[in-house]
Amino acid sequence: MIVVRTCAAAEVKDILQPAISPKTDPHGLHSLDDILSTGACHQVLNDGVMIAAYVLEGFGSELWITAAAGSADFDLTDVIDIAADKQGKQFDRIAFTTVRRGLIKKALAKGYECKMVKTLRK
């Protein structure tokens, strides 16, 4: 049975280590400790065993998935998307940043919009 529950940052720190990488934070702007200290942490449990975790944080009218990681023999994006939808009912949108093409493709199929982010430097 899959269960999603709110938890303390210390409970998910290890599983979320891979969540902060050049694929999710290409400019190295965020540390996991910063994300954990400001967001609401959640565990995804399968028969009582943690298989994934994610962090949510509200910014204005958007609920951001600021970190997510885990491993399962089924698509975790489905579980996290459904949970975030339920947890973010008071927000207009749910958002996250990634350069992972497969995750972008899955998110587009779930109704997310992908806006091109351009970084300009001088």
N, C-alpha and C. Protein backbone atom coordinates (compact mmCIF):
# COMPACT_ATOMS: atom_id res chain seq x y z
N MET A 1 0.84 -1.18 0.00
CA MET A 1 0.00 0.00 0.00
C MET A 1 0.89 1.25 0.00
N ILE A 2 0.58 2.18 -0.88
CA ILE A 2 1.34 3.43 -0.98
C ILE A 2 0.71 4.46 -0.05
N VAL A 3 1.57 5.07 0.77
CA VAL A 3 1.14 6.11 1.71
C VAL A 3 2.10 7.29 1.56
N VAL A 4 1.55 8.50 1.55
CA VAL A 4 2.36 9.72 1.56
C VAL A 4 2.10 10.40 2.89
N ARG A 5 3.19 10.77 3.56
CA ARG A 5 3.02 11.44 4.85
C ARG A 5 4.03 12.56 5.02
N THR A 6 3.62 13.57 5.76
CA THR A 6 4.52 14.66 6.11
C THR A 6 5.52 14.13 7.13
N CYS A 7 6.75 14.65 7.06
CA CYS A 7 7.78 14.16 7.96
C CYS A 7 8.80 15.26 8.25
N ALA A 8 9.73 14.95 9.11
CA ALA A 8 10.83 15.86 9.44
C ALA A 8 11.90 15.79 8.36
N ALA A 9 12.61 16.88 8.20
CA ALA A 9 13.68 16.95 7.19
C ALA A 9 14.72 15.86 7.38
N ALA A 10 15.08 15.57 8.61
CA ALA A 10 16.11 14.56 8.88
C ALA A 10 15.71 13.18 8.36
N GLU A 11 14.40 12.93 8.29
CA GLU A 11 13.93 11.62 7.82
C GLU A 11 14.12 11.42 6.32
N VAL A 12 14.25 12.51 5.56
CA VAL A 12 14.33 12.38 4.11
C VAL A 12 15.64 12.91 3.51
N LYS A 13 16.50 13.44 4.35
CA LYS A 13 17.72 14.06 3.83
C LYS A 13 18.55 13.10 2.99
N ASP A 14 18.76 11.88 3.46
CA ASP A 14 19.60 10.93 2.72
C ASP A 14 19.01 10.57 1.36
N ILE A 15 17.72 10.27 1.32
CA ILE A 15 17.11 9.85 0.06
C ILE A 15 17.03 11.01 -0.95
N LEU A 16 17.03 12.25 -0.42
CA LEU A 16 16.94 13.42 -1.31
C LEU A 16 18.30 13.93 -1.80
N GLN A 17 19.39 13.36 -1.34
CA GLN A 17 20.72 13.82 -1.79
C GLN A 17 20.83 13.89 -3.32
N PRO A 18 20.37 12.88 -4.06
CA PRO A 18 20.49 12.95 -5.53
C PRO A 18 19.59 14.01 -6.18
N ALA A 19 18.68 14.58 -5.41
CA ALA A 19 17.73 15.55 -5.99
C ALA A 19 18.39 16.86 -6.38
N ILE A 20 19.50 17.18 -5.77
CA ILE A 20 20.19 18.42 -6.10
C ILE A 20 21.39 18.06 -6.97
N SER A 21 21.23 18.35 -8.24
CA SER A 21 22.26 18.00 -9.23
C SER A 21 22.20 19.02 -10.37
N PRO A 22 23.16 18.97 -11.27
CA PRO A 22 23.09 19.88 -12.43
C PRO A 22 21.82 19.71 -13.26
N LYS A 23 21.18 18.54 -13.19
CA LYS A 23 19.94 18.34 -13.94
C LYS A 23 18.75 19.06 -13.30
N THR A 24 18.77 19.22 -12.00
CA THR A 24 17.65 19.87 -11.31
C THR A 24 17.98 21.30 -10.90
N ASP A 25 19.25 21.60 -10.77
CA ASP A 25 19.71 22.94 -10.37
C ASP A 25 20.95 23.27 -11.19
N PRO A 26 20.76 23.54 -12.49
CA PRO A 26 21.90 23.68 -13.40
C PRO A 26 22.89 24.78 -13.03
N HIS A 27 22.45 25.73 -12.22
CA HIS A 27 23.33 26.84 -11.86
C HIS A 27 23.86 26.74 -10.44
N GLY A 28 23.54 25.65 -9.75
CA GLY A 28 24.03 25.45 -8.39
C GLY A 28 23.56 26.50 -7.41
N LEU A 29 22.34 26.93 -7.53
CA LEU A 29 21.83 28.02 -6.69
C LEU A 29 21.27 27.56 -5.35
N HIS A 30 20.98 26.25 -5.23
CA HIS A 30 20.29 25.77 -4.04
C HIS A 30 21.07 24.64 -3.38
N SER A 31 21.03 24.63 -2.06
CA SER A 31 21.59 23.50 -1.32
C SER A 31 20.43 22.69 -0.75
N LEU A 32 20.67 21.40 -0.55
CA LEU A 32 19.62 20.57 0.02
C LEU A 32 19.24 21.05 1.42
N ASP A 33 20.22 21.46 2.20
CA ASP A 33 19.91 21.96 3.55
C ASP A 33 18.99 23.16 3.51
N ASP A 34 19.21 24.08 2.56
CA ASP A 34 18.33 25.25 2.43
C ASP A 34 16.91 24.82 2.05
N ILE A 35 16.81 23.91 1.10
CA ILE A 35 15.49 23.43 0.66
C ILE A 35 14.76 22.75 1.80
N LEU A 36 15.46 21.89 2.53
CA LEU A 36 14.83 21.18 3.64
C LEU A 36 14.41 22.11 4.77
N SER A 37 15.14 23.20 4.96
CA SER A 37 14.83 24.10 6.07
C SER A 37 13.64 25.00 5.78
N THR A 38 13.29 25.20 4.51
CA THR A 38 12.19 26.10 4.19
C THR A 38 10.94 25.41 3.67
N GLY A 39 11.07 24.16 3.22
CA GLY A 39 9.93 23.48 2.63
C GLY A 39 9.28 22.48 3.56
N ALA A 40 8.16 21.93 3.10
CA ALA A 40 7.44 20.88 3.83
C ALA A 40 7.87 19.54 3.24
N CYS A 41 8.43 18.69 4.08
CA CYS A 41 8.98 17.41 3.63
C CYS A 41 7.92 16.31 3.69
N HIS A 42 8.00 15.41 2.70
CA HIS A 42 7.04 14.31 2.59
C HIS A 42 7.76 13.03 2.21
N GLN A 43 7.30 11.93 2.78
CA GLN A 43 7.80 10.61 2.44
C GLN A 43 6.75 9.88 1.62
N VAL A 44 7.22 9.05 0.69
CA VAL A 44 6.34 8.11 -0.01
C VAL A 44 6.74 6.73 0.51
N LEU A 45 5.79 6.06 1.14
CA LEU A 45 6.05 4.75 1.74
C LEU A 45 5.31 3.67 0.95
N ASN A 46 5.97 2.55 0.73
CA ASN A 46 5.36 1.39 0.11
C ASN A 46 5.43 0.25 1.12
N ASP A 47 4.27 -0.13 1.65
CA ASP A 47 4.21 -1.14 2.72
C ASP A 47 5.13 -0.77 3.88
N GLY A 48 5.15 0.51 4.24
CA GLY A 48 5.91 0.99 5.38
C GLY A 48 7.36 1.30 5.12
N VAL A 49 7.84 1.06 3.91
CA VAL A 49 9.24 1.31 3.56
C VAL A 49 9.32 2.57 2.70
N MET A 50 10.19 3.51 3.07
CA MET A 50 10.32 4.74 2.30
C MET A 50 10.97 4.45 0.95
N ILE A 51 10.28 4.80 -0.12
CA ILE A 51 10.80 4.60 -1.47
C ILE A 51 11.09 5.92 -2.18
N ALA A 52 10.56 7.01 -1.64
CA ALA A 52 10.77 8.32 -2.26
C ALA A 52 10.46 9.41 -1.24
N ALA A 53 10.87 10.61 -1.60
CA ALA A 53 10.58 11.78 -0.78
C ALA A 53 10.52 13.00 -1.68
N TYR A 54 9.84 14.02 -1.21
CA TYR A 54 9.79 15.28 -1.94
C TYR A 54 9.55 16.41 -0.96
N VAL A 55 9.85 17.63 -1.42
CA VAL A 55 9.69 18.82 -0.60
C VAL A 55 8.83 19.81 -1.37
N LEU A 56 7.85 20.38 -0.69
CA LEU A 56 6.95 21.37 -1.28
C LEU A 56 7.16 22.72 -0.60
N GLU A 57 7.09 23.77 -1.41
CA GLU A 57 7.16 25.12 -0.84
C GLU A 57 6.30 26.05 -1.68
N GLY A 58 5.49 26.84 -1.01
CA GLY A 58 4.64 27.80 -1.71
C GLY A 58 5.37 29.10 -1.97
N PHE A 59 5.20 29.59 -3.19
CA PHE A 59 5.74 30.89 -3.60
C PHE A 59 4.60 31.62 -4.30
N GLY A 60 3.99 32.57 -3.61
CA GLY A 60 2.87 33.28 -4.21
C GLY A 60 1.73 32.32 -4.51
N SER A 61 1.29 32.29 -5.76
CA SER A 61 0.17 31.44 -6.15
C SER A 61 0.61 30.06 -6.63
N GLU A 62 1.91 29.76 -6.53
CA GLU A 62 2.43 28.49 -7.02
C GLU A 62 2.99 27.63 -5.89
N LEU A 63 2.74 26.34 -5.99
CA LEU A 63 3.33 25.36 -5.09
C LEU A 63 4.46 24.68 -5.85
N TRP A 64 5.67 24.83 -5.33
CA TRP A 64 6.85 24.28 -6.00
C TRP A 64 7.28 22.97 -5.37
N ILE A 65 7.56 21.99 -6.21
CA ILE A 65 8.24 20.78 -5.79
C ILE A 65 9.72 21.13 -5.89
N THR A 66 10.33 21.43 -4.76
CA THR A 66 11.70 21.95 -4.77
C THR A 66 12.76 20.86 -4.74
N ALA A 67 12.37 19.66 -4.38
CA ALA A 67 13.27 18.51 -4.43
C ALA A 67 12.42 17.25 -4.44
N ALA A 68 12.87 16.24 -5.17
CA ALA A 68 12.19 14.94 -5.18
C ALA A 68 13.18 13.89 -5.63
N ALA A 69 13.11 12.73 -5.01
CA ALA A 69 13.99 11.61 -5.39
C ALA A 69 13.41 10.33 -4.82
N GLY A 70 13.79 9.24 -5.43
CA GLY A 70 13.37 7.93 -4.95
C GLY A 70 13.51 6.88 -6.02
N SER A 71 13.12 5.69 -5.67
CA SER A 71 13.24 4.57 -6.60
C SER A 71 12.12 3.57 -6.31
N ALA A 72 11.48 3.11 -7.38
CA ALA A 72 10.41 2.13 -7.23
C ALA A 72 10.26 1.37 -8.54
N ASP A 73 9.52 0.27 -8.49
CA ASP A 73 9.27 -0.50 -9.70
C ASP A 73 8.01 -0.02 -10.43
N PHE A 74 7.57 1.18 -10.10
CA PHE A 74 6.46 1.83 -10.79
C PHE A 74 6.80 3.31 -10.90
N ASP A 75 6.01 4.04 -11.64
CA ASP A 75 6.30 5.45 -11.93
C ASP A 75 5.98 6.34 -10.73
N LEU A 76 7.03 6.81 -10.06
CA LEU A 76 6.85 7.68 -8.90
C LEU A 76 6.28 9.04 -9.25
N THR A 77 6.45 9.47 -10.51
CA THR A 77 5.90 10.77 -10.88
C THR A 77 4.38 10.77 -10.74
N ASP A 78 3.75 9.63 -10.98
CA ASP A 78 2.30 9.55 -10.80
C ASP A 78 1.91 9.78 -9.35
N VAL A 79 2.61 9.13 -8.43
CA VAL A 79 2.30 9.25 -7.01
C VAL A 79 2.53 10.68 -6.52
N ILE A 80 3.69 11.24 -6.86
CA ILE A 80 4.02 12.58 -6.38
C ILE A 80 3.10 13.62 -7.00
N ASP A 81 2.75 13.44 -8.27
CA ASP A 81 1.84 14.38 -8.93
C ASP A 81 0.47 14.38 -8.27
N ILE A 82 -0.07 13.21 -8.00
CA ILE A 82 -1.39 13.11 -7.35
C ILE A 82 -1.33 13.72 -5.95
N ALA A 83 -0.29 13.38 -5.20
CA ALA A 83 -0.16 13.91 -3.83
C ALA A 83 -0.02 15.43 -3.85
N ALA A 84 0.82 15.96 -4.74
CA ALA A 84 1.01 17.42 -4.80
C ALA A 84 -0.28 18.12 -5.20
N ASP A 85 -1.04 17.52 -6.11
CA ASP A 85 -2.34 18.10 -6.48
C ASP A 85 -3.24 18.22 -5.26
N LYS A 86 -3.31 17.17 -4.46
CA LYS A 86 -4.15 17.19 -3.26
C LYS A 86 -3.62 18.17 -2.22
N GLN A 87 -2.30 18.20 -2.05
CA GLN A 87 -1.70 19.07 -1.03
C GLN A 87 -1.71 20.54 -1.45
N GLY A 88 -1.82 20.79 -2.73
CA GLY A 88 -1.73 22.16 -3.22
C GLY A 88 -3.02 22.76 -3.72
N LYS A 89 -4.14 22.32 -3.19
CA LYS A 89 -5.44 22.81 -3.67
C LYS A 89 -5.60 24.32 -3.55
N GLN A 90 -4.94 24.94 -2.56
CA GLN A 90 -5.10 26.38 -2.37
C GLN A 90 -4.21 27.20 -3.32
N PHE A 91 -3.38 26.53 -4.13
CA PHE A 91 -2.51 27.21 -5.08
C PHE A 91 -3.09 27.13 -6.48
N ASP A 92 -2.73 28.10 -7.32
CA ASP A 92 -3.19 28.11 -8.70
C ASP A 92 -2.44 27.11 -9.57
N ARG A 93 -1.17 26.88 -9.23
CA ARG A 93 -0.33 26.01 -10.06
C ARG A 93 0.63 25.22 -9.20
N ILE A 94 1.07 24.11 -9.76
CA ILE A 94 2.17 23.33 -9.19
C ILE A 94 3.31 23.44 -10.19
N ALA A 95 4.53 23.63 -9.67
CA ALA A 95 5.66 23.86 -10.57
C ALA A 95 6.91 23.13 -10.06
N PHE A 96 7.82 22.89 -10.97
CA PHE A 96 9.14 22.37 -10.64
C PHE A 96 10.08 22.67 -11.79
N THR A 97 11.36 22.58 -11.53
CA THR A 97 12.38 22.83 -12.55
C THR A 97 13.18 21.56 -12.78
N THR A 98 13.41 21.23 -14.04
CA THR A 98 14.26 20.10 -14.39
C THR A 98 14.74 20.25 -15.82
N VAL A 99 15.83 19.59 -16.14
CA VAL A 99 16.27 19.49 -17.53
C VAL A 99 16.20 18.04 -17.98
N ARG A 100 15.64 17.17 -17.14
CA ARG A 100 15.49 15.75 -17.48
C ARG A 100 14.39 15.60 -18.53
N ARG A 101 14.77 15.21 -19.74
CA ARG A 101 13.81 15.13 -20.85
C ARG A 101 12.67 14.17 -20.57
N GLY A 102 12.97 13.01 -19.98
CA GLY A 102 11.93 12.04 -19.69
C GLY A 102 10.91 12.57 -18.70
N LEU A 103 11.38 13.29 -17.68
CA LEU A 103 10.48 13.87 -16.69
C LEU A 103 9.65 14.98 -17.32
N ILE A 104 10.26 15.76 -18.19
CA ILE A 104 9.51 16.82 -18.89
C ILE A 104 8.40 16.19 -19.73
N LYS A 105 8.71 15.12 -20.44
CA LYS A 105 7.71 14.44 -21.28
C LYS A 105 6.55 13.92 -20.42
N LYS A 106 6.87 13.31 -19.28
CA LYS A 106 5.82 12.81 -18.38
C LYS A 106 4.98 13.97 -17.84
N ALA A 107 5.63 15.06 -17.45
CA ALA A 107 4.91 16.20 -16.90
C ALA A 107 3.99 16.84 -17.94
N LEU A 108 4.45 16.96 -19.16
CA LEU A 108 3.61 17.51 -20.22
C LEU A 108 2.36 16.66 -20.40
N ALA A 109 2.51 15.34 -20.32
CA ALA A 109 1.37 14.44 -20.46
C ALA A 109 0.38 14.59 -19.30
N LYS A 110 0.85 15.10 -18.16
CA LYS A 110 0.00 15.31 -16.99
C LYS A 110 -0.60 16.72 -16.95
N GLY A 111 -0.34 17.52 -17.98
CA GLY A 111 -0.94 18.85 -18.06
C GLY A 111 -0.04 20.00 -17.65
N TYR A 112 1.22 19.71 -17.31
CA TYR A 112 2.15 20.80 -17.01
C TYR A 112 2.51 21.52 -18.30
N GLU A 113 2.85 22.79 -18.17
CA GLU A 113 3.35 23.58 -19.30
C GLU A 113 4.85 23.73 -19.13
N CYS A 114 5.55 23.74 -20.24
CA CYS A 114 7.01 23.90 -20.18
C CYS A 114 7.37 25.23 -20.83
N LYS A 115 7.87 26.14 -20.04
CA LYS A 115 8.33 27.43 -20.54
C LYS A 115 9.84 27.37 -20.69
N MET A 116 10.34 27.84 -21.77
CA MET A 116 11.78 27.84 -22.01
C MET A 116 12.45 28.84 -21.07
N VAL A 117 13.42 28.36 -20.34
CA VAL A 117 14.19 29.22 -19.44
C VAL A 117 15.50 29.56 -20.12
N LYS A 118 15.79 30.82 -20.22
CA LYS A 118 17.03 31.26 -20.86
C LYS A 118 17.86 32.01 -19.83
N THR A 119 19.09 31.66 -19.78
CA THR A 119 20.01 32.35 -18.88
C THR A 119 20.93 33.22 -19.72
N LEU A 120 20.96 34.49 -19.41
CA LEU A 120 21.82 35.43 -20.13
C LEU A 120 22.94 35.87 -19.19
N ARG A 121 24.14 35.86 -19.72
CA ARG A 121 25.28 36.30 -18.90
C ARG A 121 26.13 37.25 -19.73
N LYS A 122 26.87 38.11 -19.04
CA LYS A 122 27.76 39.04 -19.72
C LYS A 122 29.12 39.00 -19.04
